[in-house]
C-alpha atoms as a PDB file:
ATOM      1  CA  MET A   1      16.880   6.470 -17.046  1.00  0.00           C
ATOM      2  CA  MET A   2      18.589   9.810 -16.371  1.00  0.00           C
ATOM      3  CA  ASN A   3      17.846  12.763 -18.590  1.00  0.00           C
ATOM      4  CA  ARG A   4      21.211  14.529 -18.614  1.00  0.00           C
ATOM      5  CA  ILE A   5      24.647  13.940 -17.124  1.00  0.00           C
ATOM      6  CA  CYS A   6      27.913  15.846 -17.409  1.00  0.00           C
ATOM      7  CA  ILE A   7      31.306  14.202 -17.635  1.00  0.00           C
ATOM      8  CA  ILE A   8      34.228  16.384 -16.631  1.00  0.00           C
ATOM      9  CA  GLY A   9      37.280  14.862 -18.296  1.00  0.00           C
ATOM     10  CA  VAL A  10      36.303  12.842 -21.351  1.00  0.00           C
ATOM     11  CA  GLY A  11      39.331  10.546 -21.527  1.00  0.00           C
ATOM     12  CA  LEU A  12      39.725   6.794 -21.287  1.00  0.00           C
ATOM     13  CA  ILE A  13      37.632   6.268 -18.143  1.00  0.00           C
ATOM     14  CA  GLY A  14      35.140   9.101 -18.555  1.00  0.00           C
ATOM     15  CA  GLY A  15      34.768   8.289 -22.238  1.00  0.00           C
ATOM     16  CA  SER A  16      34.303   4.567 -21.611  1.00  0.00           C
ATOM     17  CA  PHE A  17      31.664   5.291 -18.964  1.00  0.00           C
ATOM     18  CA  ALA A  18      29.830   7.545 -21.431  1.00  0.00           C
ATOM     19  CA  ALA A  19      30.101   4.997 -24.238  1.00  0.00           C
ATOM     20  CA  GLY A  20      28.799   2.243 -21.956  1.00  0.00           C
ATOM     21  CA  LEU A  21      25.835   4.353 -20.849  1.00  0.00           C
ATOM     22  CA  LYS A  22      24.949   5.189 -24.437  1.00  0.00           C
ATOM     23  CA  GLN A  23      25.172   1.531 -25.415  1.00  0.00           C
ATOM     24  CA  SER A  24      22.873   0.517 -22.538  1.00  0.00           C
ATOM     25  CA  ASN A  25      20.529   3.449 -23.210  1.00  0.00           C
ATOM     26  CA  GLN A  26      20.664   4.690 -19.615  1.00  0.00           C
ATOM     27  CA  VAL A  27      20.987   8.430 -20.268  1.00  0.00           C
ATOM     28  CA  HIS A  28      19.177  10.676 -22.720  1.00  0.00           C
ATOM     29  CA  THR A  29      21.951  13.276 -23.119  1.00  0.00           C
ATOM     30  CA  ILE A  30      25.637  13.165 -22.158  1.00  0.00           C
ATOM     31  CA  VAL A  31      27.486  16.471 -22.165  1.00  0.00           C
ATOM     32  CA  GLY A  32      31.252  16.703 -21.929  1.00  0.00           C
ATOM     33  CA  TYR A  33      33.239  19.453 -20.253  1.00  0.00           C
ATOM     34  CA  GLY A  34      36.942  20.172 -20.450  1.00  0.00           C
ATOM     35  CA  ARG A  35      39.544  22.724 -21.436  1.00  0.00           C
ATOM     36  CA  ASN A  36      40.700  20.980 -24.601  1.00  0.00           C
ATOM     37  CA  GLU A  37      38.076  21.670 -27.246  1.00  0.00           C
ATOM     38  CA  ALA A  38      39.806  19.463 -29.808  1.00  0.00           C
ATOM     39  CA  ASN A  39      39.434  16.490 -27.432  1.00  0.00           C
ATOM     40  CA  LEU A  40      35.757  17.269 -26.868  1.00  0.00           C
ATOM     41  CA  ILE A  41      35.156  17.557 -30.609  1.00  0.00           C
ATOM     42  CA  LYS A  42      36.830  14.177 -31.056  1.00  0.00           C
ATOM     43  CA  ALA A  43      34.616  12.682 -28.322  1.00  0.00           C
ATOM     44  CA  GLN A  44      31.533  14.010 -30.088  1.00  0.00           C
ATOM     45  CA  GLU A  45      32.744  12.714 -33.461  1.00  0.00           C
ATOM     46  CA  LEU A  46      33.250   9.288 -31.889  1.00  0.00           C
ATOM     47  CA  MET A  47      29.673   9.559 -30.520  1.00  0.00           C
ATOM     48  CA  VAL A  48      30.964   9.113 -26.977  1.00  0.00           C
ATOM     49  CA  ILE A  49      29.167  12.310 -25.922  1.00  0.00           C
ATOM     50  CA  ASP A  50      26.159  14.066 -27.416  1.00  0.00           C
ATOM     51  CA  GLU A  51      27.345  17.625 -26.881  1.00  0.00           C
ATOM     52  CA  TYR A  52      29.984  19.633 -25.068  1.00  0.00           C
ATOM     53  CA  SER A  53      30.633  23.038 -23.544  1.00  0.00           C
ATOM     54  CA  LEU A  54      33.686  24.993 -22.455  1.00  0.00           C
ATOM     55  CA  ASP A  55      31.424  26.944 -20.070  1.00  0.00           C
ATOM     56  CA  ILE A  56      30.844  25.036 -16.836  1.00  0.00           C
ATOM     57  CA  SER A  57      27.562  26.813 -16.110  1.00  0.00           C
ATOM     58  CA  GLU A  58      26.227  25.635 -19.472  1.00  0.00           C
ATOM     59  CA  ALA A  59      27.659  22.150 -19.097  1.00  0.00           C
ATOM     60  CA  LEU A  60      25.915  21.692 -15.736  1.00  0.00           C
ATOM     61  CA  LYS A  61      22.572  23.175 -16.746  1.00  0.00           C
ATOM     62  CA  ASP A  62      19.720  20.823 -15.795  1.00  0.00           C
ATOM     63  CA  VAL A  63      22.029  17.849 -15.136  1.00  0.00           C
ATOM     64  CA  ASP A  64      21.067  14.946 -12.913  1.00  0.00           C
ATOM     65  CA  LEU A  65      24.625  13.763 -12.302  1.00  0.00           C
ATOM     66  CA  VAL A  66      28.210  14.964 -12.664  1.00  0.00           C
ATOM     67  CA  LEU A  67      31.102  12.529 -13.092  1.00  0.00           C
ATOM     68  CA  ILE A  68      34.593  13.872 -12.376  1.00  0.00           C
ATOM     69  CA  ALA A  69      37.087  11.850 -14.415  1.00  0.00           C
ATOM     70  CA  THR A  70      40.271  13.916 -14.153  1.00  0.00           C
ATOM     71  CA  PRO A  71      43.530  13.433 -12.194  1.00  0.00           C
ATOM     72  CA  VAL A  72      42.927  13.628  -8.442  1.00  0.00           C
ATOM     73  CA  ASN A  73      45.102  16.710  -7.976  1.00  0.00           C
ATOM     74  CA  SER A  74      42.608  18.659 -10.082  1.00  0.00           C
ATOM     75  CA  PHE A  75      39.658  17.807  -7.833  1.00  0.00           C
ATOM     76  CA  LYS A  76      39.902  20.818  -5.521  1.00  0.00           C
ATOM     77  CA  ALA A  77      39.803  23.279  -8.410  1.00  0.00           C
ATOM     78  CA  ILE A  78      36.984  21.349 -10.104  1.00  0.00           C
ATOM     79  CA  LEU A  79      34.835  21.121  -6.974  1.00  0.00           C
ATOM     80  CA  GLU A  80      35.328  24.838  -6.346  1.00  0.00           C
ATOM     81  CA  MET A  81      34.340  25.500  -9.955  1.00  0.00           C
ATOM     82  CA  ILE A  82      31.139  23.424  -9.882  1.00  0.00           C
ATOM     83  CA  LYS A  83      30.084  24.328  -6.333  1.00  0.00           C
ATOM     84  CA  PRO A  84      27.919  27.346  -7.326  1.00  0.00           C
ATOM     85  CA  TYR A  85      25.935  25.231  -9.803  1.00  0.00           C
ATOM     86  CA  ILE A  86      25.345  22.085  -7.760  1.00  0.00           C
ATOM     87  CA  THR A  87      22.148  21.637  -5.790  1.00  0.00           C
ATOM     88  CA  GLU A  88      21.331  18.794  -3.399  1.00  0.00           C
ATOM     89  CA  GLN A  89      19.330  17.185  -6.198  1.00  0.00           C
ATOM     90  CA  VAL A  90      22.419  16.800  -8.416  1.00  0.00           C
ATOM     91  CA  ILE A  91      24.525  13.704  -7.775  1.00  0.00           C
ATOM     92  CA  VAL A  92      28.297  14.176  -7.868  1.00  0.00           C
ATOM     93  CA  THR A  93      30.611  11.195  -8.264  1.00  0.00           C
ATOM     94  CA  ASP A  94      34.137  10.489  -9.452  1.00  0.00           C
ATOM     95  CA  VAL A  95      36.492   7.767 -10.672  1.00  0.00           C
ATOM     96  CA  GLY A  96      39.595   8.659  -8.660  1.00  0.00           C
ATOM     97  CA  SER A  97      42.026   5.884  -7.721  1.00  0.00           C
ATOM     98  CA  THR A  98      42.328   7.212  -4.164  1.00  0.00           C
ATOM     99  CA  LYS A  99      39.265   7.780  -2.045  1.00  0.00           C
ATOM    100  CA  ALA A 100      40.211   9.171   1.381  1.00  0.00           C
ATOM    101  CA  SER A 101      41.959  12.137  -0.269  1.00  0.00           C
ATOM    102  CA  VAL A 102      38.921  12.803  -2.486  1.00  0.00           C
ATOM    103  CA  ILE A 103      36.645  12.839   0.554  1.00  0.00           C
ATOM    104  CA  ASN A 104      39.020  15.195   2.391  1.00  0.00           C
ATOM    105  CA  ILE A 105      39.135  17.539  -0.606  1.00  0.00           C
ATOM    106  CA  ALA A 106      35.339  17.609  -0.771  1.00  0.00           C
ATOM    107  CA  LYS A 107      35.151  18.480   2.928  1.00  0.00           C
ATOM    108  CA  GLN A 108      37.649  21.308   2.409  1.00  0.00           C
ATOM    109  CA  VAL A 109      35.655  22.793  -0.455  1.00  0.00           C
ATOM    110  CA  PHE A 110      32.139  22.364   0.933  1.00  0.00           C
ATOM    111  CA  GLY A 111      32.911  22.513   4.664  1.00  0.00           C
ATOM    112  CA  HIS A 112      31.381  19.052   5.019  1.00  0.00           C
ATOM    113  CA  MET A 113      30.932  15.938   2.919  1.00  0.00           C
ATOM    114  CA  PRO A 114      27.907  16.632   0.698  1.00  0.00           C
ATOM    115  CA  LYS A 115      25.353  13.855   1.041  1.00  0.00           C
ATOM    116  CA  ASN A 116      24.936  13.817  -2.743  1.00  0.00           C
ATOM    117  CA  PHE A 117      28.675  13.273  -3.423  1.00  0.00           C
ATOM    118  CA  ILE A 118      29.236   9.536  -3.861  1.00  0.00           C
ATOM    119  CA  PRO A 119      32.941   8.628  -4.357  1.00  0.00           C
ATOM    120  CA  ALA A 120      33.630   5.678  -6.644  1.00  0.00           C
ATOM    121  CA  HIS A 121      36.537   3.910  -8.303  1.00  0.00           C
ATOM    122  CA  PRO A 122      36.281   1.534 -11.271  1.00  0.00           C
ATOM    123  CA  ILE A 123      39.073  -1.041 -11.138  1.00  0.00           C
ATOM    124  CA  ALA A 124      39.616  -1.127 -14.869  1.00  0.00           C
ATOM    125  CA  GLY A 125      41.789   0.579 -17.420  1.00  0.00           C
ATOM    126  CA  ARG A 126      44.260   0.298 -20.250  1.00  0.00           C
ATOM    127  CA  GLU A 127      47.788   1.561 -20.697  1.00  0.00           C
ATOM    128  CA  GLN A 128      46.495   3.813 -23.483  1.00  0.00           C
ATOM    129  CA  SER A 129      44.889   7.105 -22.525  1.00  0.00           C
ATOM    130  CA  GLY A 130      42.560   9.579 -24.182  1.00  0.00           C
ATOM    131  CA  VAL A 131      39.055   9.337 -25.565  1.00  0.00           C
ATOM    132  CA  GLU A 132      40.337   7.450 -28.621  1.00  0.00           C
ATOM    133  CA  ALA A 133      41.086   4.523 -26.298  1.00  0.00           C
ATOM    134  CA  ALA A 134      37.580   4.531 -24.765  1.00  0.00           C
ATOM    135  CA  GLN A 135      35.629   1.255 -24.894  1.00  0.00           C
ATOM    136  CA  ALA A 136      31.949   0.759 -24.109  1.00  0.00           C
ATOM    137  CA  ASP A 137      32.715  -2.658 -22.581  1.00  0.00           C
ATOM    138  CA  LEU A 138      35.749  -1.541 -20.537  1.00  0.00           C
ATOM    139  CA  PHE A 139      33.936  -2.115 -17.219  1.00  0.00           C
ATOM    140  CA  ASN A 140      32.243  -5.381 -18.140  1.00  0.00           C
ATOM    141  CA  ASN A 141      32.711  -7.821 -15.230  1.00  0.00           C
ATOM    142  CA  LYS A 142      35.102  -5.368 -13.546  1.00  0.00           C
ATOM    143  CA  ARG A 143      34.737  -4.245  -9.950  1.00  0.00           C
ATOM    144  CA  VAL A 144      33.665  -0.727  -9.097  1.00  0.00           C
ATOM    145  CA  ILE A 145      34.171   0.249  -5.470  1.00  0.00           C
ATOM    146  CA  ILE A 146      31.870   2.874  -3.973  1.00  0.00           C
ATOM    147  CA  THR A 147      32.968   4.519  -0.721  1.00  0.00           C
ATOM    148  CA  PRO A 148      29.996   6.475   0.641  1.00  0.00           C
ATOM    149  CA  GLU A 149      30.208   8.356   3.912  1.00  0.00           C
ATOM    150  CA  ASP A 150      27.795   7.866   6.815  1.00  0.00           C
ATOM    151  CA  ASN A 151      25.694  10.829   5.716  1.00  0.00           C
ATOM    152  CA  SER A 152      25.472   9.787   2.050  1.00  0.00           C
ATOM    153  CA  ASN A 153      22.030   9.909   0.479  1.00  0.00           C
ATOM    154  CA  ALA A 154      20.849   6.329  -0.014  1.00  0.00           C
ATOM    155  CA  LEU A 155      19.047   7.165  -3.260  1.00  0.00           C
ATOM    156  CA  SER A 156      22.209   8.756  -4.644  1.00  0.00           C
ATOM    157  CA  VAL A 157      24.238   5.668  -3.734  1.00  0.00           C
ATOM    158  CA  SER A 158      21.656   3.478  -5.464  1.00  0.00           C
ATOM    159  CA  ALA A 159      21.655   5.680  -8.561  1.00  0.00           C
ATOM    160  CA  VAL A 160      25.461   5.598  -8.901  1.00  0.00           C
ATOM    161  CA  SER A 161      25.462   1.834  -8.337  1.00  0.00           C
ATOM    162  CA  ALA A 162      22.767   1.323 -10.963  1.00  0.00           C
ATOM    163  CA  LEU A 163      24.669   3.304 -13.588  1.00  0.00           C
ATOM    164  CA  TRP A 164      27.838   1.282 -13.053  1.00  0.00           C
ATOM    165  CA  GLN A 165      25.877  -1.969 -13.137  1.00  0.00           C
ATOM    166  CA  SER A 166      24.285  -0.885 -16.404  1.00  0.00           C
ATOM    167  CA  VAL A 167      27.743  -0.754 -18.034  1.00  0.00           C
ATOM    168  CA  GLY A 168      28.505  -4.277 -16.817  1.00  0.00           C
ATOM    169  CA  ALA A 169      30.390  -3.543 -13.596  1.00  0.00           C
ATOM    170  CA  LYS A 170      30.202  -5.447 -10.318  1.00  0.00           C
ATOM    171  CA  VAL A 171      29.616  -2.857  -7.590  1.00  0.00           C
ATOM    172  CA  GLU A 172      31.034  -3.201  -4.086  1.00  0.00           C
ATOM    173  CA  VAL A 173      30.694  -0.806  -1.150  1.00  0.00           C
ATOM    174  CA  MET A 174      33.795  -0.289   0.981  1.00  0.00           C
ATOM    175  CA  ASP A 175      35.340   2.026   3.566  1.00  0.00           C
ATOM    176  CA  ALA A 176      37.607   4.620   1.909  1.00  0.00           C
ATOM    177  CA  ASP A 177      40.688   3.766   3.994  1.00  0.00           C
ATOM    178  CA  LYS A 178      40.301   0.051   3.293  1.00  0.00           C
ATOM    179  CA  HIS A 179      40.004   0.849  -0.411  1.00  0.00           C
ATOM    180  CA  ASP A 180      43.189   2.923  -0.396  1.00  0.00           C
ATOM    181  CA  ASP A 181      45.159   0.185   1.357  1.00  0.00           C
ATOM    182  CA  LEU A 182      43.941  -2.585  -0.955  1.00  0.00           C
ATOM    183  CA  LEU A 183      44.516  -0.571  -4.129  1.00  0.00           C
ATOM    184  CA  ALA A 184      47.968   0.512  -2.965  1.00  0.00           C
ATOM    185  CA  MET A 185      48.839  -3.182  -2.832  1.00  0.00           C
ATOM    186  CA  THR A 186      47.119  -4.482  -5.969  1.00  0.00           C
ATOM    187  CA  SER A 187      47.319  -1.508  -8.339  1.00  0.00           C
ATOM    188  CA  HIS A 188      49.575   1.282  -7.123  1.00  0.00           C
ATOM    189  CA  LEU A 189      52.493  -0.974  -6.136  1.00  0.00           C
ATOM    190  CA  PRO A 190      52.591  -2.868  -9.477  1.00  0.00           C
ATOM    191  CA  HIS A 191      52.690   0.446 -11.329  1.00  0.00           C
ATOM    192  CA  MET A 192      55.556   1.646  -9.140  1.00  0.00           C
ATOM    193  CA  LEU A 193      57.419  -1.578  -9.941  1.00  0.00           C
ATOM    194  CA  ALA A 194      56.863  -1.174 -13.685  1.00  0.00           C
ATOM    195  CA  PHE A 195      57.937   2.481 -13.675  1.00  0.00           C
ATOM    196  CA  SER A 196      60.980   1.755 -11.532  1.00  0.00           C
ATOM    197  CA  LEU A 197      61.971  -1.240 -13.688  1.00  0.00           C
ATOM    198  CA  MET A 198      62.009   0.925 -16.814  1.00  0.00           C
ATOM    199  CA  ASP A 199      63.930   3.630 -14.967  1.00  0.00           C
ATOM    200  CA  TYR A 200      66.467   1.059 -13.723  1.00  0.00           C
ATOM    201  CA  LEU A 201      66.895  -0.464 -17.157  1.00  0.00           C
ATOM    202  CA  MET A 202      67.371   2.862 -18.944  1.00  0.00           C
ATOM    203  CA  SER A 203      69.830   4.145 -16.357  1.00  0.00           C
ATOM    204  CA  SER A 204      71.796   0.874 -16.280  1.00  0.00           C
ATOM    205  CA  ASN A 205      71.881  -0.044 -19.964  1.00  0.00           C
ATOM    206  CA  PRO A 206      69.451   1.548 -22.443  1.00  0.00           C
ATOM    207  CA  ASP A 207      70.370  -1.070 -25.053  1.00  0.00           C
ATOM    208  CA  ALA A 208      69.061  -3.857 -22.813  1.00  0.00           C
ATOM    209  CA  CYS A 209      65.508  -3.236 -24.088  1.00  0.00           C
ATOM    210  CA  HIS A 210      66.559  -4.627 -27.471  1.00  0.00           C
ATOM    211  CA  TYR A 211      67.104  -8.014 -25.836  1.00  0.00           C
ATOM    212  CA  ALA A 212      63.902  -8.117 -23.804  1.00  0.00           C
ATOM    213  CA  ALA A 213      61.394 -10.864 -24.638  1.00  0.00           C
ATOM    214  CA  GLY A 214      57.692 -11.344 -23.968  1.00  0.00           C
ATOM    215  CA  GLY A 215      57.997 -11.620 -20.206  1.00  0.00           C
ATOM    216  CA  PHE A 216      59.582  -8.206 -19.929  1.00  0.00           C
ATOM    217  CA  LYS A 217      56.984  -6.742 -22.283  1.00  0.00           C
ATOM    218  CA  ASP A 218      54.143  -8.167 -20.170  1.00  0.00           C
ATOM    219  CA  PHE A 219      55.651  -7.024 -16.879  1.00  0.00           C
ATOM    220  CA  SER A 220      56.490  -3.513 -18.053  1.00  0.00           C
ATOM    221  CA  ARG A 221      53.229  -2.907 -19.961  1.00  0.00           C
ATOM    222  CA  ILE A 222      51.679  -0.644 -17.339  1.00  0.00           C
ATOM    223  CA  ALA A 223      54.708   1.665 -17.407  1.00  0.00           C
ATOM    224  CA  SER A 224      52.992   3.087 -20.515  1.00  0.00           C
ATOM    225  CA  SER A 225      50.209   4.444 -18.270  1.00  0.00           C
ATOM    226  CA  ASP A 226      49.473   8.143 -17.917  1.00  0.00           C
ATOM    227  CA  ALA A 227      52.296   9.824 -15.961  1.00  0.00           C
ATOM    228  CA  VAL A 228      50.193  12.702 -14.596  1.00  0.00           C
ATOM    229  CA  MET A 229      47.520  10.380 -13.250  1.00  0.00           C
ATOM    230  CA  TRP A 230      50.089   8.209 -11.475  1.00  0.00           C
ATOM    231  CA  ARG A 231      51.931  11.229 -10.105  1.00  0.00           C
ATOM    232  CA  ASP A 232      48.650  12.329  -8.524  1.00  0.00           C
ATOM    233  CA  ILE A 233      47.932   8.865  -7.125  1.00  0.00           C
ATOM    234  CA  CYS A 234      51.320   8.841  -5.380  1.00  0.00           C
ATOM    235  CA  ILE A 235      50.774  12.302  -3.923  1.00  0.00           C
ATOM    236  CA  ASN A 236      47.299  11.387  -2.677  1.00  0.00           C
ATOM    237  CA  ASN A 237      48.006   7.949  -1.211  1.00  0.00           C
ATOM    238  CA  PRO A 238      51.620   8.224   0.000  1.00  0.00           C
ATOM    239  CA  ASP A 239      51.503   6.333   3.305  1.00  0.00           C
ATOM    240  CA  GLN A 240      49.882   3.213   1.897  1.00  0.00           C
ATOM    241  CA  ILE A 241      52.059   3.142  -1.221  1.00  0.00           C
ATOM    242  CA  ILE A 242      55.265   3.586   0.766  1.00  0.00           C
ATOM    243  CA  LYS A 243      54.160   0.874   3.224  1.00  0.00           C
ATOM    244  CA  HIS A 244      53.724  -1.655   0.435  1.00  0.00           C
ATOM    245  CA  ILE A 245      56.897  -0.614  -1.408  1.00  0.00           C
ATOM    246  CA  GLU A 246      58.829  -1.228   1.791  1.00  0.00           C
ATOM    247  CA  GLY A 247      57.059  -4.555   2.309  1.00  0.00           C
ATOM    248  CA  TYR A 248      57.928  -5.595  -1.235  1.00  0.00           C
ATOM    249  CA  GLN A 249      61.546  -4.578  -0.714  1.00  0.00           C
ATOM    250  CA  GLU A 250      61.654  -7.018   2.207  1.00  0.00           C
ATOM    251  CA  SER A 251      60.312  -9.752  -0.069  1.00  0.00           C
ATOM    252  CA  LEU A 252      62.977  -9.000  -2.682  1.00  0.00           C
ATOM    253  CA  SER A 253      65.630  -9.040   0.020  1.00  0.00           C
ATOM    254  CA  SER A 254      64.458 -12.499   1.083  1.00  0.00           C
ATOM    255  CA  ILE A 255      64.832 -13.785  -2.474  1.00  0.00           C
ATOM    256  CA  ALA A 256      68.272 -12.190  -2.754  1.00  0.00           C
ATOM    257  CA  HIS A 257      69.247 -13.905   0.502  1.00  0.00           C
ATOM    258  CA  LEU A 258      68.140 -17.318  -0.808  1.00  0.00           C
ATOM    259  CA  ILE A 259      70.082 -16.829  -4.039  1.00  0.00           C
ATOM    260  CA  LYS A 260      73.181 -15.538  -2.265  1.00  0.00           C
ATOM    261  CA  ASN A 261      73.185 -18.471   0.145  1.00  0.00           C
ATOM    262  CA  ASN A 262      72.560 -21.082  -2.554  1.00  0.00           C
ATOM    263  CA  GLN A 263      69.221 -22.394  -1.246  1.00  0.00           C
ATOM    264  CA  PRO A 264      67.576 -23.968  -4.327  1.00  0.00           C
ATOM    265  CA  GLU A 265      64.873 -25.889  -2.428  1.00  0.00           C
ATOM    266  CA  GLU A 266      63.651 -22.736  -0.689  1.00  0.00           C
ATOM    267  CA  LEU A 267      63.701 -20.793  -3.952  1.00  0.00           C
ATOM    268  CA  GLU A 268      61.718 -23.504  -5.725  1.00  0.00           C
ATOM    269  CA  LYS A 269      59.115 -23.580  -2.941  1.00  0.00           C
ATOM    270  CA  LEU A 270      58.731 -19.802  -3.034  1.00  0.00           C
ATOM    271  CA  PHE A 271      58.330 -19.821  -6.830  1.00  0.00           C
ATOM    272  CA  SER A 272      55.969 -22.810  -6.711  1.00  0.00           C
ATOM    273  CA  ASP A 273      53.760 -21.196  -4.053  1.00  0.00           C
ATOM    274  CA  ALA A 274      53.635 -17.955  -6.059  1.00  0.00           C
ATOM    275  CA  LYS A 275      52.723 -19.858  -9.243  1.00  0.00           C
ATOM    276  CA  SER A 276      49.934 -21.753  -7.474  1.00  0.00           C
ATOM    277  CA  ALA A 277      48.544 -18.545  -5.975  1.00  0.00           C
ATOM    278  CA  ARG A 278      48.440 -16.845  -9.376  1.00  0.00           C
ATOM    279  CA  ASP A 279      47.002 -19.884 -11.149  1.00  0.00           C
ATOM    280  CA  ASN A 280      44.209 -20.120  -8.565  1.00  0.00           C
ATOM    281  CA  TRP A 281      43.518 -16.387  -8.869  1.00  0.00           C
ATOM    282  CA  LEU A 282      43.148 -16.669 -12.647  1.00  0.00           C
ATOM    283  CA  LYS A 283      40.548 -19.417 -12.213  1.00  0.00           C
ATOM    284  CA  ASN A 284      38.267 -17.118 -10.180  1.00  0.00           C
END
């Protein structure tokens, strides 16, 4: 059990992590830090955190671990801010959706990758944002990918893994570049499709939304996700996202070709194979 941790950015993910830790009784005191005092007051009222501070030196006093749960583009400023108060005994981790960029930012700020900085990414979320949307069970049976570097402290890796496991997550260790490629395909690309679909619909015929049924609602759900967070993900994982957008465009072109050339058997096989793949995935 840790005595004290600090969460920088008490929103959906940071708040859910805090709520899960409190529910599993893994931390004695959770302190929140941020610039929006109203949000921190709300987090305390919801009993997601025990206390908060707008002073980073106070927030980090005597902490065992710091979790950075803010958009990735804020990481450089945050790491520079906490650097004077972080010793080798304090574990630093994050929840960023891109990992190679986070590691590069840490190297820029510290001049090397600190052995006590353990990058992580929980593959979980909701389209709602903010601490009001936080759920103690958000990570239950969800994967959390940890991407330690070669010099990472083994005890720090174990401690971060144990905390995530205590909130119900299934922890997996992976190379940062492999993580960024996989997530660009399974998470970043679907969000780009949802955002672009809404953009296409509104620019083509805004009234079309009135005639959309459940399928459209399901497909477009993640377009309600936080715009700033997804802006930062695109900026920090551009090559992989563009690669998979272009690959998907080729797949769409193939379908368009089959439709244009009146090839019903080929269309049915493609749809049938896709249905079987998804049905099998849902069984796992």
